[in-house]
Amino acid sequence: MPAIPPKPWPTGKAEQVEPLVLRVLAPNPSPYTYTGTQTYLVGPEGGPDCAVIDPGPAEPDHIDAILDAIGERRVAAIMCTHTHRDHSPAAAPLAERTAAPVVGCAPLVLKTDLPRADEAFDTTYAPDRVLEDGEQMRGTGWTLTAVATPGHTSNHLCFALEESGALFTGDHVMGWSTSVVIPPDGDMGDYMASLDRLMAREDQVYHSAHGAAITKPQQLVRGMIGHRRQRENQILRLMGERARPVAEFIPDMYKGLDERLIGAAKMSVTAHLIDLEKRGMATCVDEVWRPA
């Protein structure tokens, strides 16, 4: 995982990343968000309307920066790829100030009989309209199509900008690191299937919520699939050596890992193990994993 680059970062500045797209960086850098969450505005800069993708955290300075970038345009939709706390909380206050509908992913509903994992999620998210796979939002000179990509979260969507061939990938594919898949909501099998789905598409560029634009998307996705398969093979090999709890996979699999990311690594390994269990390749007894 690459280190966060030194400052200055373009926090709060509207950057033109392509003719129909502005990017505004939120002030929430961390080992999980890189330099911060990137909010995108889609629509001609001098046009009558635009869409806001992933409004980000409900930080007043960030909301003001988004409004400055919007200018005199009408906001046709505030669109969320998923409901992690660094992506959707600004949707409600931004909607209040623009009278725009909140559109996009579904609210997250976790099964109550499983371990809770609500902490990272925005439980206040209340969309006016949930987009199904293939549904579109349109404005003057722009069209955004929902592409269902569950895995990182069960409600994750990407949005394809039909006029330019760009895909807004949220956290499904990022420009700085692989995505973390955290059970019980995150599902490694779904995540891999969603990567396969993107491989079958012909998008020209990815704009993710964290990191630089991805100008060779097929190459990156191919590498991500290979990386996940490599992790899976590591897990199978280590289980073959001896049965072990999740924590004992980490030292062999993640050399020199930042201690702040050990929890995320454990969750990622757990997601792989659960997927292997579903496929009949691993079994768990008393929190100890072994080959099936």
Protein backbone atom coordinates (compact mmCIF):
# COMPACT_ATOMS: atom_id res chain seq x y z
CA MET A 1 0.00 0.00 0.00
CA PRO A 2 1.65 3.29 -1.06
CA ALA A 3 2.41 6.00 1.45
CA ILE A 4 0.29 9.13 1.48
CA PRO A 5 2.18 11.74 -0.61
CA PRO A 6 3.54 14.85 1.07
CA LYS A 7 1.49 18.03 1.12
CA PRO A 8 0.33 20.25 -0.44
CA TRP A 9 -2.80 18.42 -1.58
CA PRO A 10 -5.53 20.18 -3.60
CA THR A 11 -8.00 20.01 -0.69
CA GLY A 12 -11.09 22.11 -1.37
CA LYS A 13 -10.05 23.08 -4.90
CA ALA A 14 -12.14 22.30 -7.97
CA GLU A 15 -9.91 20.50 -10.48
CA GLN A 16 -10.98 19.91 -14.08
CA VAL A 17 -10.18 16.24 -14.75
CA GLU A 18 -12.00 16.07 -18.09
CA PRO A 19 -14.34 18.44 -19.95
CA LEU A 20 -17.50 17.26 -18.15
CA VAL A 21 -15.94 16.50 -14.75
CA LEU A 22 -14.67 18.55 -11.79
CA ARG A 23 -13.05 16.94 -8.74
CA VAL A 24 -13.07 18.35 -5.19
CA LEU A 25 -10.92 16.73 -2.48
CA ALA A 26 -12.37 16.49 1.04
CA PRO A 27 -10.27 17.27 4.15
CA ASN A 28 -10.32 13.71 5.54
CA PRO A 29 -6.93 12.08 4.85
CA SER A 30 -6.13 8.80 6.64
CA PRO A 31 -4.48 5.41 6.06
CA TYR A 32 -7.87 4.28 4.71
CA THR A 33 -8.79 7.31 2.59
CA TYR A 34 -5.36 8.35 1.21
CA THR A 35 -5.35 12.15 0.77
CA GLY A 36 -9.13 12.23 1.31
CA THR A 37 -12.42 11.42 -0.40
CA GLN A 38 -12.84 12.85 -3.89
CA THR A 39 -16.21 14.32 -4.80
CA TYR A 40 -17.03 14.66 -8.50
CA LEU A 41 -19.27 17.15 -10.30
CA VAL A 42 -20.54 16.00 -13.68
CA GLY A 43 -21.87 18.44 -16.27
CA PRO A 44 -20.61 21.28 -18.53
CA GLU A 45 -19.05 23.99 -16.37
CA GLY A 46 -21.16 26.68 -18.01
CA GLY A 47 -24.24 24.49 -18.34
CA PRO A 48 -27.55 24.72 -16.51
CA ASP A 49 -27.21 21.59 -14.37
CA CYS A 50 -24.86 19.00 -12.89
CA ALA A 51 -24.72 15.89 -10.72
CA VAL A 52 -22.62 15.48 -7.57
CA ILE A 53 -21.06 12.04 -7.07
CA ASP A 54 -19.97 10.91 -3.57
CA PRO A 55 -20.49 14.17 -1.64
CA GLY A 56 -18.20 12.85 1.08
CA PRO A 57 -18.05 13.61 4.80
CA ALA A 58 -20.33 16.25 6.30
CA GLU A 59 -17.49 18.73 6.79
CA PRO A 60 -18.71 22.35 6.44
CA ASP A 61 -15.60 23.43 4.52
CA HIS A 62 -16.01 20.58 2.07
CA ILE A 63 -19.69 21.32 1.51
CA ASP A 64 -18.82 24.97 0.89
CA ALA A 65 -16.14 23.92 -1.62
CA ILE A 66 -18.67 21.75 -3.48
CA LEU A 67 -21.14 24.62 -3.61
CA ASP A 68 -18.44 26.95 -4.94
CA ALA A 69 -17.67 24.42 -7.68
CA ILE A 70 -21.38 24.09 -8.53
CA GLY A 71 -21.72 27.82 -8.99
CA GLU A 72 -25.04 28.87 -10.55
CA ARG A 73 -25.89 25.42 -11.86
CA ARG A 74 -28.90 23.46 -10.66
CA VAL A 75 -27.96 20.19 -8.97
CA ALA A 76 -30.01 17.52 -10.71
CA ALA A 77 -28.91 14.74 -8.36
CA ILE A 78 -26.61 13.97 -5.45
CA MET A 79 -25.38 10.45 -6.22
CA CYS A 80 -23.73 8.05 -3.77
CA THR A 81 -21.74 4.94 -4.74
CA HIS A 82 -22.12 3.46 -1.24
CA THR A 83 -22.73 4.49 2.34
CA HIS A 84 -19.39 4.41 4.13
CA ARG A 85 -18.97 7.45 6.37
CA ASP A 86 -16.43 9.09 4.10
CA HIS A 87 -18.79 8.99 1.10
CA SER A 88 -22.43 9.80 1.85
CA PRO A 89 -22.92 11.89 5.04
CA ALA A 90 -22.67 15.21 3.16
CA ALA A 91 -25.61 14.17 0.97
CA ALA A 92 -28.27 15.36 3.44
CA PRO A 93 -26.83 18.83 4.21
CA LEU A 94 -25.99 19.36 0.54
CA ALA A 95 -29.55 18.39 -0.40
CA GLU A 96 -30.87 20.93 2.11
CA ARG A 97 -28.82 23.70 0.53
CA THR A 98 -29.53 22.80 -3.12
CA ALA A 99 -33.00 21.18 -3.01
CA ALA A 100 -31.52 18.32 -5.04
CA PRO A 101 -32.69 14.71 -4.68
CA VAL A 102 -30.35 12.10 -3.23
CA VAL A 103 -30.06 9.30 -5.77
CA GLY A 104 -27.96 6.16 -6.12
CA CYS A 105 -27.17 3.21 -3.88
CA ALA A 106 -29.66 1.62 -1.54
CA PRO A 107 -29.50 2.14 2.23
CA LEU A 108 -27.51 -0.57 3.95
CA VAL A 109 -29.48 -3.20 5.83
CA LEU A 110 -27.39 -5.69 7.79
CA LYS A 111 -28.86 -8.95 9.03
CA THR A 112 -29.43 -8.70 12.78
CA ASP A 113 -28.33 -12.29 13.45
CA LEU A 114 -24.76 -11.60 12.28
CA PRO A 115 -21.95 -9.66 13.98
CA ARG A 116 -22.65 -5.96 13.67
CA ALA A 117 -20.48 -3.84 11.40
CA ASP A 118 -22.38 -0.55 11.37
CA GLU A 119 -19.61 1.69 12.67
CA ALA A 120 -18.13 2.47 9.27
CA PHE A 121 -21.52 3.11 7.67
CA ASP A 122 -23.68 6.21 7.38
CA THR A 123 -26.90 5.18 9.09
CA THR A 124 -28.54 8.55 8.28
CA TYR A 125 -28.45 7.97 4.52
CA ALA A 126 -31.97 8.24 3.10
CA PRO A 127 -32.11 8.35 -0.71
CA ASP A 128 -35.03 9.84 -2.58
CA ARG A 129 -34.48 7.29 -5.33
CA VAL A 130 -32.51 4.05 -5.45
CA LEU A 131 -30.97 3.28 -8.83
CA GLU A 132 -31.11 -0.28 -10.08
CA ASP A 133 -28.41 -1.70 -12.32
CA GLY A 134 -28.64 -0.03 -15.74
CA GLU A 135 -30.87 2.86 -14.65
CA GLN A 136 -29.80 6.34 -15.70
CA MET A 137 -29.73 9.95 -14.55
CA ARG A 138 -29.61 12.57 -17.31
CA GLY A 139 -28.85 16.25 -17.51
CA THR A 140 -27.83 18.77 -20.16
CA GLY A 141 -25.00 17.08 -22.04
CA TRP A 142 -24.44 14.23 -19.58
CA THR A 143 -25.81 10.76 -18.85
CA LEU A 144 -24.86 8.60 -15.86
CA THR A 145 -25.67 4.88 -15.82
CA ALA A 146 -25.67 2.80 -12.64
CA VAL A 147 -23.42 -0.27 -12.72
CA ALA A 148 -24.01 -2.64 -9.80
CA THR A 149 -20.68 -3.67 -8.24
CA PRO A 150 -21.34 -5.35 -4.87
CA GLY A 151 -18.43 -6.71 -2.88
CA HIS A 152 -16.67 -3.86 -1.08
CA THR A 153 -20.17 -3.27 0.29
CA SER A 154 -23.38 -5.01 -0.67
CA ASN A 155 -24.92 -1.74 -1.91
CA HIS A 156 -21.99 -0.49 -4.00
CA LEU A 157 -22.67 1.12 -7.39
CA CYS A 158 -20.38 2.59 -10.02
CA PHE A 159 -21.60 5.29 -12.41
CA ALA A 160 -20.71 5.32 -16.10
CA LEU A 161 -20.52 8.68 -17.89
CA GLU A 162 -21.79 7.70 -21.32
CA GLU A 163 -20.53 10.81 -23.13
CA SER A 164 -16.85 10.27 -22.29
CA GLY A 165 -16.40 6.59 -21.44
CA ALA A 166 -15.47 7.39 -17.83
CA LEU A 167 -16.52 5.21 -14.89
CA PHE A 168 -16.82 6.60 -11.36
CA THR A 169 -15.71 3.60 -9.31
CA GLY A 170 -16.15 4.77 -5.70
CA ASP A 171 -14.16 2.33 -3.58
CA HIS A 172 -14.61 -0.71 -5.83
CA VAL A 173 -11.47 0.15 -7.80
CA MET A 174 -9.23 2.87 -6.39
CA GLY A 175 -6.30 4.83 -7.78
CA TRP A 176 -3.96 4.10 -4.87
CA SER A 177 -4.73 0.73 -3.26
CA THR A 178 -6.87 -2.37 -3.46
CA SER A 179 -10.29 -2.18 -1.83
CA VAL A 180 -10.90 -3.63 1.64
CA VAL A 181 -13.66 -6.25 1.82
CA ILE A 182 -15.08 -6.49 5.35
CA PRO A 183 -17.63 -9.18 6.30
CA PRO A 184 -20.45 -9.58 7.03
CA ASP A 185 -21.57 -6.92 4.53
CA GLY A 186 -18.49 -7.13 2.31
CA ASP A 187 -18.35 -10.31 0.26
CA MET A 188 -15.22 -11.53 -1.54
CA GLY A 189 -17.12 -13.69 -4.00
CA ASP A 190 -19.30 -10.75 -5.01
CA TYR A 191 -16.24 -8.50 -5.19
CA MET A 192 -14.43 -10.83 -7.60
CA ALA A 193 -17.56 -11.17 -9.74
CA SER A 194 -17.82 -7.37 -9.89
CA LEU A 195 -14.19 -7.13 -11.01
CA ASP A 196 -14.95 -9.67 -13.73
CA ARG A 197 -17.88 -7.50 -14.77
CA LEU A 198 -15.64 -4.47 -15.16
CA MET A 199 -13.18 -6.54 -17.21
CA ALA A 200 -16.00 -7.18 -19.68
CA ARG A 201 -16.67 -3.44 -20.10
CA GLU A 202 -14.84 -0.96 -22.31
CA ASP A 203 -14.52 2.07 -20.03
CA GLN A 204 -11.76 4.49 -21.04
CA VAL A 205 -10.84 5.88 -17.62
CA TYR A 206 -11.79 5.32 -13.98
CA HIS A 207 -12.33 8.18 -11.54
CA SER A 208 -12.19 6.67 -8.05
CA ALA A 209 -12.99 8.17 -4.67
CA HIS A 210 -9.35 7.96 -3.59
CA GLY A 211 -6.24 8.47 -5.70
CA ALA A 212 -5.39 9.51 -9.23
CA ALA A 213 -7.42 8.83 -12.36
CA ILE A 214 -6.86 5.33 -13.73
CA THR A 215 -5.99 5.65 -17.40
CA LYS A 216 -5.39 1.93 -18.08
CA PRO A 217 -8.42 0.44 -16.33
CA GLN A 218 -8.39 -3.01 -17.92
CA GLN A 219 -4.74 -3.49 -17.01
CA LEU A 220 -5.37 -2.46 -13.42
CA VAL A 221 -8.43 -4.67 -12.98
CA ARG A 222 -6.55 -7.63 -14.45
CA GLY A 223 -3.79 -7.02 -11.92
CA MET A 224 -6.31 -6.73 -9.07
CA ILE A 225 -7.88 -10.07 -9.97
CA GLY A 226 -4.42 -11.63 -10.08
CA HIS A 227 -3.55 -10.09 -6.72
CA ARG A 228 -6.66 -11.52 -5.08
CA ARG A 229 -5.98 -14.95 -6.56
CA GLN A 230 -2.43 -14.74 -5.21
CA ARG A 231 -3.79 -13.93 -1.74
CA GLU A 232 -6.15 -16.88 -1.99
CA ASN A 233 -3.29 -19.19 -2.92
CA GLN A 234 -1.24 -17.88 0.01
CA ILE A 235 -4.09 -18.67 2.38
CA LEU A 236 -4.48 -22.19 0.98
CA ARG A 237 -0.74 -22.80 1.30
CA LEU A 238 -0.58 -21.51 4.88
CA MET A 239 -3.62 -23.58 5.90
CA GLY A 240 -1.94 -26.57 4.30
CA GLU A 241 1.10 -26.06 6.54
CA ARG A 242 -1.04 -25.97 9.68
CA ALA A 243 -4.48 -24.93 10.86
CA ARG A 244 -4.49 -21.40 12.27
CA PRO A 245 -6.68 -18.49 13.41
CA VAL A 246 -6.97 -15.42 11.22
CA ALA A 247 -4.35 -13.40 13.14
CA GLU A 248 -1.66 -15.98 12.35
CA PHE A 249 -2.03 -15.51 8.59
CA ILE A 250 -1.08 -11.83 8.75
CA PRO A 251 2.72 -11.92 9.45
CA ASP A 252 3.35 -14.25 6.49
CA MET A 253 1.00 -12.47 4.10
CA TYR A 254 1.63 -8.79 4.85
CA LYS A 255 5.32 -8.06 5.35
CA GLY A 256 6.06 -4.64 6.90
CA LEU A 257 2.39 -3.75 7.27
CA ASP A 258 1.53 -0.44 8.94
CA GLU A 259 0.18 -1.40 12.37
CA ARG A 260 -2.83 0.84 11.77
CA LEU A 261 -3.87 -1.45 8.91
CA ILE A 262 -3.63 -4.79 10.72
CA GLY A 263 -7.37 -4.77 11.43
CA ALA A 264 -8.16 -4.23 7.75
CA ALA A 265 -5.79 -7.03 6.77
CA LYS A 266 -7.52 -9.41 9.19
CA MET A 267 -10.89 -8.52 7.67
CA SER A 268 -9.58 -9.08 4.15
CA VAL A 269 -8.18 -12.50 5.07
CA THR A 270 -11.46 -13.34 6.79
CA ALA A 271 -13.37 -12.40 3.62
CA HIS A 272 -11.17 -14.74 1.58
CA LEU A 273 -11.62 -17.55 4.11
CA ILE A 274 -15.40 -17.17 4.13
CA ASP A 275 -15.40 -17.29 0.34
CA LEU A 276 -13.23 -20.42 0.38
CA GLU A 277 -15.61 -21.97 2.92
CA LYS A 278 -18.59 -21.24 0.66
CA ARG A 279 -16.73 -22.97 -2.18
CA GLY A 280 -16.00 -26.04 -0.05
CA MET A 281 -12.25 -25.38 0.20
CA ALA A 282 -11.91 -24.33 3.88
CA THR A 283 -13.58 -25.00 7.18
CA CYS A 284 -13.55 -23.25 10.56
CA VAL A 285 -13.88 -24.81 14.02
CA ASP A 286 -13.49 -22.65 17.17
CA GLU A 287 -12.10 -19.78 15.04
CA VAL A 288 -9.32 -21.97 13.65
CA TRP A 289 -9.22 -22.38 9.87
CA ARG A 290 -8.05 -25.48 7.98
CA PRO A 291 -8.49 -26.97 4.50
CA ALA A 292 -11.85 -28.66 3.95
